[in-house]
Amino acid sequence: MSDGMSARRVWIGPRLVLASKSSGRRQLLEAAGIAFEIASADVDERAIERAFLGQGGAVEGLAAALSRAKAVEASDRFPNALCLGADQVMTLEGEALHRSPTIEAARAQMRRLAGRTHKLTSAACIASDGQSLFEAEENAEMTMRPLDDEAIARYFALAGDAVLASVGGYQIEGLGVHLFETISGDHATIVGLPMLALLAWFRRSGFLAL
């Protein structure tokens, strides 16, 4: 839970629940002085993805669908609270990629990403009592530099098990920054939250002192 002095000064809204265990999203909200508590959403992301795509949903809308499902699920457990669901989807040439289960799978995925541009779509939804009140998404384009097997092996040796913590095998706020040639998009979007749009909604709703 974020309860520092800055949060008490900036956040003047109701109870806010972050339905995500992402440390990056937590740090973004804390840095902005938002007071919140954490309660991860209890949803089957892959089942939601299969249903969404199976019903003709475009992969570009998957992050929004997942964030909505998380926010609504959490709002059913926390009556009268604002529940913030968020998700990020990585796509390569229109294909959604997923977190690798093993080091070898992560190596293979990085070989696919090397020298190419992939897209990160970060989405957020605010729900209360089962109803979506606000939704937003932002995109970032990430061009990874060409990497041969030796370069990938060096990176994996330095990064360790952290390569399994994210879909692309990297954290841009850490050693992963060495992997890229160009990045188009703001830092919060890359970390996993459309932060500026979210803050704008908080202000319009009268929840911020700034």
C-alpha atoms as a PDB file:
ATOM      1  CA  MET A   1       0.000   0.000   0.000  1.00  0.00           C
ATOM      2  CA  SER A   2       1.199   3.502  -0.813  1.00  0.00           C
ATOM      3  CA  ASP A   3       0.720   5.730   2.228  1.00  0.00           C
ATOM      4  CA  GLY A   4       3.669   8.156   2.149  1.00  0.00           C
ATOM      5  CA  MET A   5       3.380  11.869   2.842  1.00  0.00           C
ATOM      6  CA  SER A   6       3.348  12.728  -0.869  1.00  0.00           C
ATOM      7  CA  ALA A   7       0.440  10.358  -1.468  1.00  0.00           C
ATOM      8  CA  ARG A   8      -1.566  11.951   1.345  1.00  0.00           C
ATOM      9  CA  ARG A   9      -0.944  15.377  -0.167  1.00  0.00           C
ATOM     10  CA  VAL A  10      -1.682  14.508  -3.815  1.00  0.00           C
ATOM     11  CA  TRP A  11      -4.421  11.859  -3.702  1.00  0.00           C
ATOM     12  CA  ILE A  12      -7.773  13.155  -2.465  1.00  0.00           C
ATOM     13  CA  GLY A  13      -9.939  10.506  -4.085  1.00  0.00           C
ATOM     14  CA  PRO A  14     -11.706   7.412  -2.752  1.00  0.00           C
ATOM     15  CA  ARG A  15     -10.181   4.041  -1.983  1.00  0.00           C
ATOM     16  CA  LEU A  16      -8.094   2.866  -4.932  1.00  0.00           C
ATOM     17  CA  VAL A  17      -7.179  -0.788  -5.467  1.00  0.00           C
ATOM     18  CA  LEU A  18      -4.463  -1.774  -7.941  1.00  0.00           C
ATOM     19  CA  ALA A  19      -5.475  -5.157  -9.367  1.00  0.00           C
ATOM     20  CA  SER A  20      -1.935  -5.999 -10.432  1.00  0.00           C
ATOM     21  CA  LYS A  21       1.186  -7.423  -8.816  1.00  0.00           C
ATOM     22  CA  SER A  22       3.491  -5.570 -11.222  1.00  0.00           C
ATOM     23  CA  SER A  23       6.276  -3.816  -9.349  1.00  0.00           C
ATOM     24  CA  GLY A  24       6.681  -1.392 -12.265  1.00  0.00           C
ATOM     25  CA  ARG A  25       3.079  -0.216 -12.068  1.00  0.00           C
ATOM     26  CA  ARG A  26       3.307   0.071  -8.302  1.00  0.00           C
ATOM     27  CA  GLN A  27       6.419   2.224  -8.586  1.00  0.00           C
ATOM     28  CA  LEU A  28       4.812   4.495 -11.207  1.00  0.00           C
ATOM     29  CA  LEU A  29       1.807   5.168  -8.991  1.00  0.00           C
ATOM     30  CA  GLU A  30       3.918   5.674  -5.875  1.00  0.00           C
ATOM     31  CA  ALA A  31       6.219   8.110  -7.666  1.00  0.00           C
ATOM     32  CA  ALA A  32       3.165  10.148  -8.722  1.00  0.00           C
ATOM     33  CA  GLY A  33       1.924  10.348  -5.133  1.00  0.00           C
ATOM     34  CA  ILE A  34      -1.154   8.172  -5.678  1.00  0.00           C
ATOM     35  CA  ALA A  35      -2.478   6.431  -2.563  1.00  0.00           C
ATOM     36  CA  PHE A  36      -3.529   2.848  -3.285  1.00  0.00           C
ATOM     37  CA  GLU A  37      -3.556  -0.719  -2.050  1.00  0.00           C
ATOM     38  CA  ILE A  38      -2.743  -3.888  -3.964  1.00  0.00           C
ATOM     39  CA  ALA A  39      -5.008  -6.879  -4.583  1.00  0.00           C
ATOM     40  CA  SER A  40      -4.114  -8.890  -7.672  1.00  0.00           C
ATOM     41  CA  ALA A  41      -6.969  -9.806  -9.966  1.00  0.00           C
ATOM     42  CA  ASP A  42      -8.033 -13.443  -9.982  1.00  0.00           C
ATOM     43  CA  VAL A  43      -8.515 -14.064 -13.702  1.00  0.00           C
ATOM     44  CA  ASP A  44      -7.308 -16.621 -16.248  1.00  0.00           C
ATOM     45  CA  GLU A  45      -5.539 -14.375 -18.752  1.00  0.00           C
ATOM     46  CA  ARG A  46      -5.007 -17.042 -21.378  1.00  0.00           C
ATOM     47  CA  ALA A  47      -8.667 -18.104 -21.224  1.00  0.00           C
ATOM     48  CA  ILE A  48      -9.734 -14.467 -21.658  1.00  0.00           C
ATOM     49  CA  GLU A  49      -7.329 -14.129 -24.586  1.00  0.00           C
ATOM     50  CA  ARG A  50      -8.641 -17.279 -26.285  1.00  0.00           C
ATOM     51  CA  ALA A  51     -12.243 -16.151 -25.883  1.00  0.00           C
ATOM     52  CA  PHE A  52     -11.531 -12.600 -27.060  1.00  0.00           C
ATOM     53  CA  LEU A  53      -9.593 -13.638 -30.165  1.00  0.00           C
ATOM     54  CA  GLY A  54     -11.942 -16.556 -30.811  1.00  0.00           C
ATOM     55  CA  GLN A  55     -14.868 -14.142 -31.002  1.00  0.00           C
ATOM     56  CA  GLY A  56     -13.081 -12.094 -33.644  1.00  0.00           C
ATOM     57  CA  GLY A  57     -11.390  -9.568 -31.392  1.00  0.00           C
ATOM     58  CA  ALA A  58      -8.304  -7.929 -32.882  1.00  0.00           C
ATOM     59  CA  VAL A  59      -4.986  -8.541 -31.177  1.00  0.00           C
ATOM     60  CA  GLU A  60      -4.621  -4.755 -30.897  1.00  0.00           C
ATOM     61  CA  GLY A  61      -7.552  -4.733 -28.456  1.00  0.00           C
ATOM     62  CA  LEU A  62      -6.332  -7.581 -26.279  1.00  0.00           C
ATOM     63  CA  ALA A  63      -4.590  -5.446 -23.648  1.00  0.00           C
ATOM     64  CA  ALA A  64      -7.766  -3.413 -23.139  1.00  0.00           C
ATOM     65  CA  ALA A  65      -9.879  -6.555 -22.802  1.00  0.00           C
ATOM     66  CA  LEU A  66      -7.515  -8.013 -20.207  1.00  0.00           C
ATOM     67  CA  SER A  67      -7.293  -4.806 -18.185  1.00  0.00           C
ATOM     68  CA  ARG A  68     -11.091  -4.510 -18.189  1.00  0.00           C
ATOM     69  CA  ALA A  69     -11.525  -8.075 -16.980  1.00  0.00           C
ATOM     70  CA  LYS A  70      -9.057  -7.500 -14.133  1.00  0.00           C
ATOM     71  CA  ALA A  71     -10.642  -4.221 -13.034  1.00  0.00           C
ATOM     72  CA  VAL A  72     -14.179  -5.595 -13.089  1.00  0.00           C
ATOM     73  CA  GLU A  73     -13.185  -8.772 -11.219  1.00  0.00           C
ATOM     74  CA  ALA A  74     -11.480  -6.779  -8.492  1.00  0.00           C
ATOM     75  CA  SER A  75     -14.397  -4.359  -8.232  1.00  0.00           C
ATOM     76  CA  ASP A  76     -16.712  -7.266  -7.436  1.00  0.00           C
ATOM     77  CA  ARG A  77     -14.535  -8.011  -4.389  1.00  0.00           C
ATOM     78  CA  PHE A  78     -14.114  -4.400  -3.225  1.00  0.00           C
ATOM     79  CA  PRO A  79     -17.514  -2.650  -3.200  1.00  0.00           C
ATOM     80  CA  ASN A  80     -17.475   1.144  -3.543  1.00  0.00           C
ATOM     81  CA  ALA A  81     -13.737   1.205  -4.337  1.00  0.00           C
ATOM     82  CA  LEU A  82     -12.079   2.265  -7.566  1.00  0.00           C
ATOM     83  CA  CYS A  83     -10.267  -0.739  -8.990  1.00  0.00           C
ATOM     84  CA  LEU A  84      -7.437  -0.258 -11.460  1.00  0.00           C
ATOM     85  CA  GLY A  85      -6.798  -3.133 -13.843  1.00  0.00           C
ATOM     86  CA  ALA A  86      -3.885  -2.977 -16.247  1.00  0.00           C
ATOM     87  CA  ASP A  87      -2.222  -5.174 -18.806  1.00  0.00           C
ATOM     88  CA  GLN A  88       0.427  -5.019 -21.476  1.00  0.00           C
ATOM     89  CA  VAL A  89       0.573  -7.005 -24.701  1.00  0.00           C
ATOM     90  CA  MET A  90       3.678  -7.380 -26.853  1.00  0.00           C
ATOM     91  CA  THR A  91       3.093  -7.956 -30.545  1.00  0.00           C
ATOM     92  CA  LEU A  92       5.476  -8.779 -33.361  1.00  0.00           C
ATOM     93  CA  GLU A  93       4.027  -8.323 -36.840  1.00  0.00           C
ATOM     94  CA  GLY A  94       0.503  -8.710 -35.477  1.00  0.00           C
ATOM     95  CA  GLU A  95       1.207 -11.787 -33.326  1.00  0.00           C
ATOM     96  CA  ALA A  96       0.808 -11.588 -29.556  1.00  0.00           C
ATOM     97  CA  LEU A  97       3.839 -12.952 -27.732  1.00  0.00           C
ATOM     98  CA  HIS A  98       3.832 -14.443 -24.251  1.00  0.00           C
ATOM     99  CA  ARG A  99       6.205 -14.849 -21.333  1.00  0.00           C
ATOM    100  CA  SER A 100       8.636 -17.698 -21.904  1.00  0.00           C
ATOM    101  CA  PRO A 101       8.366 -20.681 -19.524  1.00  0.00           C
ATOM    102  CA  THR A 102      12.058 -21.643 -19.781  1.00  0.00           C
ATOM    103  CA  ILE A 103      15.428 -20.032 -20.435  1.00  0.00           C
ATOM    104  CA  GLU A 104      15.713 -21.809 -23.769  1.00  0.00           C
ATOM    105  CA  ALA A 105      12.302 -20.555 -24.858  1.00  0.00           C
ATOM    106  CA  ALA A 106      13.332 -17.028 -23.836  1.00  0.00           C
ATOM    107  CA  ARG A 107      16.490 -17.339 -25.931  1.00  0.00           C
ATOM    108  CA  ALA A 108      14.459 -18.430 -28.943  1.00  0.00           C
ATOM    109  CA  GLN A 109      12.061 -15.536 -28.491  1.00  0.00           C
ATOM    110  CA  MET A 110      14.895 -13.019 -28.258  1.00  0.00           C
ATOM    111  CA  ARG A 111      16.323 -14.388 -31.507  1.00  0.00           C
ATOM    112  CA  ARG A 112      12.963 -13.533 -33.101  1.00  0.00           C
ATOM    113  CA  LEU A 113      12.987 -10.021 -31.654  1.00  0.00           C
ATOM    114  CA  ALA A 114      16.617  -9.226 -32.484  1.00  0.00           C
ATOM    115  CA  GLY A 115      16.986  -6.670 -35.273  1.00  0.00           C
ATOM    116  CA  ARG A 116      13.223  -6.132 -35.510  1.00  0.00           C
ATOM    117  CA  THR A 117      10.600  -3.721 -34.174  1.00  0.00           C
ATOM    118  CA  HIS A 118       7.953  -4.971 -31.780  1.00  0.00           C
ATOM    119  CA  LYS A 119       5.053  -3.084 -30.219  1.00  0.00           C
ATOM    120  CA  LEU A 120       4.028  -2.779 -26.587  1.00  0.00           C
ATOM    121  CA  THR A 121       0.394  -1.884 -25.915  1.00  0.00           C
ATOM    122  CA  SER A 122      -0.307  -0.864 -22.332  1.00  0.00           C
ATOM    123  CA  ALA A 123      -3.928  -0.539 -21.251  1.00  0.00           C
ATOM    124  CA  ALA A 124      -5.713   0.438 -18.055  1.00  0.00           C
ATOM    125  CA  CYS A 125      -9.298   0.302 -16.836  1.00  0.00           C
ATOM    126  CA  ILE A 126     -10.943   1.788 -13.761  1.00  0.00           C
ATOM    127  CA  ALA A 127     -14.013  -0.109 -12.578  1.00  0.00           C
ATOM    128  CA  SER A 128     -16.345   0.254  -9.634  1.00  0.00           C
ATOM    129  CA  ASP A 129     -19.077  -2.161  -8.548  1.00  0.00           C
ATOM    130  CA  GLY A 130     -18.716  -4.205 -11.723  1.00  0.00           C
ATOM    131  CA  GLN A 131     -18.862  -1.292 -14.158  1.00  0.00           C
ATOM    132  CA  SER A 132     -16.045   0.147 -16.261  1.00  0.00           C
ATOM    133  CA  LEU A 133     -15.709   3.884 -15.661  1.00  0.00           C
ATOM    134  CA  PHE A 134     -12.571   4.672 -17.662  1.00  0.00           C
ATOM    135  CA  GLU A 135     -10.357   2.921 -20.201  1.00  0.00           C
ATOM    136  CA  ALA A 136      -7.182   3.994 -21.979  1.00  0.00           C
ATOM    137  CA  GLU A 137      -4.291   2.507 -23.882  1.00  0.00           C
ATOM    138  CA  GLU A 138      -0.971   3.700 -25.281  1.00  0.00           C
ATOM    139  CA  ASN A 139       1.575   2.139 -27.637  1.00  0.00           C
ATOM    140  CA  ALA A 140       5.352   2.069 -27.757  1.00  0.00           C
ATOM    141  CA  GLU A 141       7.540   0.732 -30.555  1.00  0.00           C
ATOM    142  CA  MET A 142      10.787  -0.958 -29.607  1.00  0.00           C
ATOM    143  CA  THR A 143      13.511  -1.651 -32.158  1.00  0.00           C
ATOM    144  CA  MET A 144      15.988  -4.180 -30.844  1.00  0.00           C
ATOM    145  CA  ARG A 145      19.519  -4.102 -32.188  1.00  0.00           C
ATOM    146  CA  PRO A 146      20.794  -7.119 -34.134  1.00  0.00           C
ATOM    147  CA  LEU A 147      22.001  -9.778 -31.692  1.00  0.00           C
ATOM    148  CA  ASP A 148      23.895 -12.940 -32.532  1.00  0.00           C
ATOM    149  CA  ASP A 149      23.854 -16.008 -30.293  1.00  0.00           C
ATOM    150  CA  GLU A 150      27.007 -14.885 -28.497  1.00  0.00           C
ATOM    151  CA  ALA A 151      25.533 -11.487 -27.640  1.00  0.00           C
ATOM    152  CA  ILE A 152      22.309 -13.103 -26.432  1.00  0.00           C
ATOM    153  CA  ALA A 153      24.301 -15.554 -24.290  1.00  0.00           C
ATOM    154  CA  ARG A 154      26.228 -12.681 -22.676  1.00  0.00           C
ATOM    155  CA  TYR A 155      23.016 -10.823 -21.897  1.00  0.00           C
ATOM    156  CA  PHE A 156      21.354 -13.908 -20.426  1.00  0.00           C
ATOM    157  CA  ALA A 157      24.383 -14.621 -18.258  1.00  0.00           C
ATOM    158  CA  LEU A 158      24.257 -11.098 -16.836  1.00  0.00           C
ATOM    159  CA  ALA A 159      20.472 -10.835 -16.499  1.00  0.00           C
ATOM    160  CA  GLY A 160      19.936 -14.265 -14.946  1.00  0.00           C
ATOM    161  CA  ASP A 161      16.430 -15.452 -14.148  1.00  0.00           C
ATOM    162  CA  ALA A 162      15.090 -11.926 -14.701  1.00  0.00           C
ATOM    163  CA  VAL A 163      14.742 -12.861 -18.394  1.00  0.00           C
ATOM    164  CA  LEU A 164      11.705 -14.964 -17.391  1.00  0.00           C
ATOM    165  CA  ALA A 165       9.978 -12.077 -15.613  1.00  0.00           C
ATOM    166  CA  SER A 166       8.760 -10.302 -18.757  1.00  0.00           C
ATOM    167  CA  VAL A 167       7.471 -11.262 -22.182  1.00  0.00           C
ATOM    168  CA  GLY A 168      10.447  -9.972 -24.132  1.00  0.00           C
ATOM    169  CA  GLY A 169      13.041 -11.209 -21.662  1.00  0.00           C
ATOM    170  CA  TYR A 170      14.075  -7.676 -20.703  1.00  0.00           C
ATOM    171  CA  GLN A 171      13.331  -4.847 -18.293  1.00  0.00           C
ATOM    172  CA  ILE A 172      13.989  -1.534 -20.002  1.00  0.00           C
ATOM    173  CA  GLU A 173      14.718   0.075 -16.622  1.00  0.00           C
ATOM    174  CA  GLY A 174      17.590  -2.397 -16.135  1.00  0.00           C
ATOM    175  CA  LEU A 175      20.077  -4.251 -18.320  1.00  0.00           C
ATOM    176  CA  GLY A 176      17.464  -4.552 -21.045  1.00  0.00           C
ATOM    177  CA  VAL A 177      18.170  -0.991 -22.168  1.00  0.00           C
ATOM    178  CA  HIS A 178      21.391  -2.284 -23.778  1.00  0.00           C
ATOM    179  CA  LEU A 179      19.368  -4.350 -26.256  1.00  0.00           C
ATOM    180  CA  PHE A 180      17.768  -1.490 -28.167  1.00  0.00           C
ATOM    181  CA  GLU A 181      18.607   0.797 -31.050  1.00  0.00           C
ATOM    182  CA  THR A 182      15.522   3.039 -30.903  1.00  0.00           C
ATOM    183  CA  ILE A 183      12.445   3.400 -28.738  1.00  0.00           C
ATOM    184  CA  SER A 184       9.278   5.347 -29.591  1.00  0.00           C
ATOM    185  CA  GLY A 185       6.931   5.824 -26.653  1.00  0.00           C
ATOM    186  CA  ASP A 186       6.957   7.134 -23.106  1.00  0.00           C
ATOM    187  CA  HIS A 187       8.572   5.334 -20.180  1.00  0.00           C
ATOM    188  CA  ALA A 188       5.324   4.580 -18.351  1.00  0.00           C
ATOM    189  CA  THR A 189       3.843   2.901 -21.425  1.00  0.00           C
ATOM    190  CA  ILE A 190       6.914   0.707 -21.718  1.00  0.00           C
ATOM    191  CA  VAL A 191       6.729  -0.209 -18.038  1.00  0.00           C
ATOM    192  CA  GLY A 192       3.045  -1.078 -18.425  1.00  0.00           C
ATOM    193  CA  LEU A 193       0.664   1.805 -17.662  1.00  0.00           C
ATOM    194  CA  PRO A 194      -0.865   4.603 -19.811  1.00  0.00           C
ATOM    195  CA  MET A 195       0.020   6.962 -16.980  1.00  0.00           C
ATOM    196  CA  LEU A 196      -0.718  10.382 -18.474  1.00  0.00           C
ATOM    197  CA  ALA A 197      -4.211   9.390 -19.601  1.00  0.00           C
ATOM    198  CA  LEU A 198      -4.879   7.843 -16.192  1.00  0.00           C
ATOM    199  CA  LEU A 199      -3.736  10.966 -14.332  1.00  0.00           C
ATOM    200  CA  ALA A 200      -5.852  13.152 -16.624  1.00  0.00           C
ATOM    201  CA  TRP A 201      -8.949  11.115 -15.700  1.00  0.00           C
ATOM    202  CA  PHE A 202      -8.105  11.332 -12.000  1.00  0.00           C
ATOM    203  CA  ARG A 203      -7.867  15.132 -12.330  1.00  0.00           C
ATOM    204  CA  ARG A 204     -11.160  15.402 -14.241  1.00  0.00           C
ATOM    205  CA  SER A 205     -12.785  13.322 -11.514  1.00  0.00           C
ATOM    206  CA  GLY A 206     -11.461  15.590  -8.752  1.00  0.00           C
ATOM    207  CA  PHE A 207      -9.236  12.938  -7.201  1.00  0.00           C
ATOM    208  CA  LEU A 208      -5.926  14.837  -7.357  1.00  0.00           C
ATOM    209  CA  ALA A 209      -4.748  17.949  -5.565  1.00  0.00           C
ATOM    210  CA  LEU A 210      -2.464  18.834  -8.485  1.00  0.00           C
END
